[in-house]
Amino acid sequence: MKQCYFCTNNIKDVDYKEVEVLKNYLDTHSRILRHSRTGTCSKHQRRLGLAVKRARFMALLPFVQG
């Protein structure tokens, strides 16, 4: 089982401005990967989804890629 990246690196908040970190949790079509694939815990998975959605709204990440 994979360890949560945010728990192991002691990261409290998932920031929407850290685009390079958020890109690791998106697939080729810019969809958010599920926690069983990435290994994030449920608390950070929820915060990750919110951060990705905020970054999309601020035009830092694409909504779809195709």
N, C-alpha and C. Protein backbone atom coordinates (compact mmCIF):
# COMPACT_ATOMS: atom_id res chain seq x y z
N MET A 1 0.84 -1.18 0.00
CA MET A 1 0.00 0.00 0.00
C MET A 1 0.89 1.24 0.00
N LYS A 2 0.53 2.21 -0.83
CA LYS A 2 1.30 3.43 -0.93
C LYS A 2 1.04 4.33 0.28
N GLN A 3 2.03 5.13 0.62
CA GLN A 3 1.89 6.09 1.70
C GLN A 3 1.42 7.43 1.13
N CYS A 4 0.71 8.17 1.95
CA CYS A 4 0.22 9.48 1.54
C CYS A 4 1.41 10.44 1.44
N TYR A 5 1.54 11.08 0.29
CA TYR A 5 2.64 12.02 0.06
C TYR A 5 2.58 13.19 1.04
N PHE A 6 1.40 13.67 1.32
CA PHE A 6 1.24 14.84 2.17
C PHE A 6 1.49 14.50 3.64
N CYS A 7 1.11 13.31 4.08
CA CYS A 7 1.36 12.91 5.46
C CYS A 7 2.85 12.62 5.69
N THR A 8 3.50 11.95 4.74
CA THR A 8 4.91 11.61 4.93
C THR A 8 5.81 12.83 4.89
N ASN A 9 5.45 13.87 4.11
CA ASN A 9 6.25 15.09 4.02
C ASN A 9 5.76 16.17 4.98
N ASN A 10 4.81 15.82 5.85
CA ASN A 10 4.29 16.73 6.88
C ASN A 10 3.77 18.03 6.28
N ILE A 11 3.00 17.91 5.19
CA ILE A 11 2.37 19.06 4.54
C ILE A 11 0.96 19.19 5.10
N LYS A 12 0.68 20.32 5.73
CA LYS A 12 -0.62 20.52 6.37
C LYS A 12 -1.71 20.86 5.36
N ASP A 13 -1.43 21.82 4.48
CA ASP A 13 -2.43 22.28 3.52
C ASP A 13 -2.00 21.97 2.10
N VAL A 14 -2.97 21.60 1.27
CA VAL A 14 -2.72 21.40 -0.15
C VAL A 14 -3.06 22.72 -0.83
N ASP A 15 -2.05 23.39 -1.38
CA ASP A 15 -2.25 24.72 -1.93
C ASP A 15 -2.54 24.63 -3.43
N TYR A 16 -3.52 25.40 -3.89
CA TYR A 16 -3.90 25.37 -5.30
C TYR A 16 -2.85 26.02 -6.19
N LYS A 17 -1.94 26.80 -5.61
CA LYS A 17 -0.92 27.50 -6.40
C LYS A 17 0.28 26.61 -6.72
N GLU A 18 0.39 25.45 -6.07
CA GLU A 18 1.48 24.52 -6.34
C GLU A 18 1.06 23.59 -7.48
N VAL A 19 1.14 24.11 -8.69
CA VAL A 19 0.62 23.42 -9.87
C VAL A 19 1.41 22.16 -10.17
N GLU A 20 2.72 22.18 -9.97
CA GLU A 20 3.55 21.01 -10.28
C GLU A 20 3.20 19.82 -9.39
N VAL A 21 2.84 20.08 -8.15
CA VAL A 21 2.42 19.00 -7.25
C VAL A 21 1.06 18.47 -7.68
N LEU A 22 0.16 19.38 -8.03
CA LEU A 22 -1.19 18.97 -8.40
C LEU A 22 -1.21 18.18 -9.71
N LYS A 23 -0.28 18.48 -10.62
CA LYS A 23 -0.25 17.76 -11.90
C LYS A 23 0.06 16.28 -11.71
N ASN A 24 0.72 15.92 -10.62
CA ASN A 24 1.03 14.51 -10.36
C ASN A 24 -0.22 13.70 -10.03
N TYR A 25 -1.30 14.38 -9.67
CA TYR A 25 -2.53 13.70 -9.29
C TYR A 25 -3.61 13.79 -10.36
N LEU A 26 -3.22 14.14 -11.58
CA LEU A 26 -4.15 14.19 -12.71
C LEU A 26 -3.71 13.18 -13.76
N ASP A 27 -4.68 12.59 -14.46
CA ASP A 27 -4.33 11.66 -15.54
C ASP A 27 -4.14 12.44 -16.85
N THR A 28 -4.02 11.72 -17.94
CA THR A 28 -3.73 12.36 -19.23
C THR A 28 -4.88 13.23 -19.72
N HIS A 29 -6.09 13.00 -19.24
CA HIS A 29 -7.24 13.80 -19.64
C HIS A 29 -7.60 14.84 -18.60
N SER A 30 -6.67 15.11 -17.67
CA SER A 30 -6.82 16.11 -16.61
C SER A 30 -7.93 15.76 -15.62
N ARG A 31 -8.17 14.48 -15.43
CA ARG A 31 -9.11 14.05 -14.41
C ARG A 31 -8.35 13.74 -13.12
N ILE A 32 -8.98 13.96 -11.99
CA ILE A 32 -8.34 13.71 -10.70
C ILE A 32 -8.29 12.20 -10.48
N LEU A 33 -7.10 11.70 -10.14
CA LEU A 33 -6.94 10.27 -9.90
C LEU A 33 -7.51 9.90 -8.54
N ARG A 34 -8.03 8.68 -8.43
CA ARG A 34 -8.63 8.23 -7.18
C ARG A 34 -7.54 7.89 -6.16
N HIS A 35 -7.91 7.83 -4.90
CA HIS A 35 -6.92 7.65 -3.85
C HIS A 35 -6.30 6.27 -3.85
N SER A 36 -6.99 5.28 -4.38
CA SER A 36 -6.39 3.94 -4.46
C SER A 36 -5.25 3.89 -5.46
N ARG A 37 -5.29 4.80 -6.42
CA ARG A 37 -4.22 4.86 -7.43
C ARG A 37 -3.03 5.70 -6.95
N THR A 38 -3.32 6.78 -6.23
CA THR A 38 -2.26 7.69 -5.80
C THR A 38 -1.73 7.39 -4.41
N GLY A 39 -2.53 6.77 -3.56
CA GLY A 39 -2.10 6.44 -2.21
C GLY A 39 -2.33 7.55 -1.21
N THR A 40 -3.07 8.58 -1.55
CA THR A 40 -3.34 9.64 -0.58
C THR A 40 -4.41 9.20 0.40
N CYS A 41 -4.32 9.73 1.63
CA CYS A 41 -5.34 9.41 2.62
C CYS A 41 -6.62 10.18 2.28
N SER A 42 -7.72 9.82 2.93
CA SER A 42 -9.00 10.41 2.56
C SER A 42 -9.06 11.90 2.88
N LYS A 43 -8.42 12.32 3.97
CA LYS A 43 -8.42 13.74 4.32
C LYS A 43 -7.71 14.56 3.26
N HIS A 44 -6.53 14.10 2.83
CA HIS A 44 -5.78 14.85 1.83
C HIS A 44 -6.36 14.68 0.44
N GLN A 45 -7.07 13.59 0.18
CA GLN A 45 -7.73 13.42 -1.12
C GLN A 45 -8.83 14.45 -1.29
N ARG A 46 -9.57 14.72 -0.23
CA ARG A 46 -10.62 15.74 -0.30
C ARG A 46 -10.01 17.12 -0.50
N ARG A 47 -8.94 17.42 0.21
CA ARG A 47 -8.28 18.71 0.06
C ARG A 47 -7.62 18.84 -1.31
N LEU A 48 -7.13 17.72 -1.84
CA LEU A 48 -6.51 17.72 -3.16
C LEU A 48 -7.55 18.03 -4.23
N GLY A 49 -8.72 17.42 -4.13
CA GLY A 49 -9.79 17.69 -5.09
C GLY A 49 -10.22 19.14 -5.07
N LEU A 50 -10.32 19.71 -3.89
CA LEU A 50 -10.69 21.11 -3.77
C LEU A 50 -9.60 22.01 -4.35
N ALA A 51 -8.35 21.68 -4.11
CA ALA A 51 -7.24 22.49 -4.64
C ALA A 51 -7.19 22.42 -6.16
N VAL A 52 -7.44 21.24 -6.73
CA VAL A 52 -7.44 21.11 -8.19
C VAL A 52 -8.59 21.92 -8.79
N LYS A 53 -9.74 21.87 -8.16
CA LYS A 53 -10.88 22.63 -8.68
C LYS A 53 -10.64 24.12 -8.59
N ARG A 54 -9.99 24.57 -7.53
CA ARG A 54 -9.66 26.00 -7.41
C ARG A 54 -8.62 26.40 -8.45
N ALA A 55 -7.64 25.54 -8.67
CA ALA A 55 -6.61 25.84 -9.67
C ALA A 55 -7.21 25.88 -11.07
N ARG A 56 -8.19 25.03 -11.34
CA ARG A 56 -8.87 25.08 -12.64
C ARG A 56 -9.63 26.38 -12.80
N PHE A 57 -10.30 26.81 -11.75
CA PHE A 57 -11.08 28.04 -11.81
C PHE A 57 -10.18 29.25 -12.03
N MET A 58 -8.99 29.22 -11.46
CA MET A 58 -8.03 30.33 -11.61
C MET A 58 -7.20 30.20 -12.88
N ALA A 59 -7.50 29.21 -13.73
CA ALA A 59 -6.85 28.96 -15.01
C ALA A 59 -5.39 28.57 -14.86
N LEU A 60 -5.05 27.91 -13.73
CA LEU A 60 -3.71 27.37 -13.56
C LEU A 60 -3.60 25.95 -14.09
N LEU A 61 -4.72 25.24 -14.10
CA LEU A 61 -4.81 23.89 -14.64
C LEU A 61 -5.95 23.83 -15.65
N PRO A 62 -5.85 22.98 -16.66
CA PRO A 62 -6.95 22.87 -17.63
C PRO A 62 -8.11 22.04 -17.07
N PHE A 63 -9.31 22.33 -17.55
CA PHE A 63 -10.45 21.52 -17.18
C PHE A 63 -10.40 20.17 -17.90
N VAL A 64 -10.14 20.20 -19.20
CA VAL A 64 -9.99 18.98 -19.99
C VAL A 64 -8.78 19.15 -20.89
N GLN A 65 -8.21 18.03 -21.25
CA GLN A 65 -7.08 18.06 -22.16
C GLN A 65 -7.34 17.00 -23.22
N GLY A 66 -7.38 17.38 -24.43
CA GLY A 66 -7.71 16.39 -25.41
C GLY A 66 -7.47 16.76 -26.79
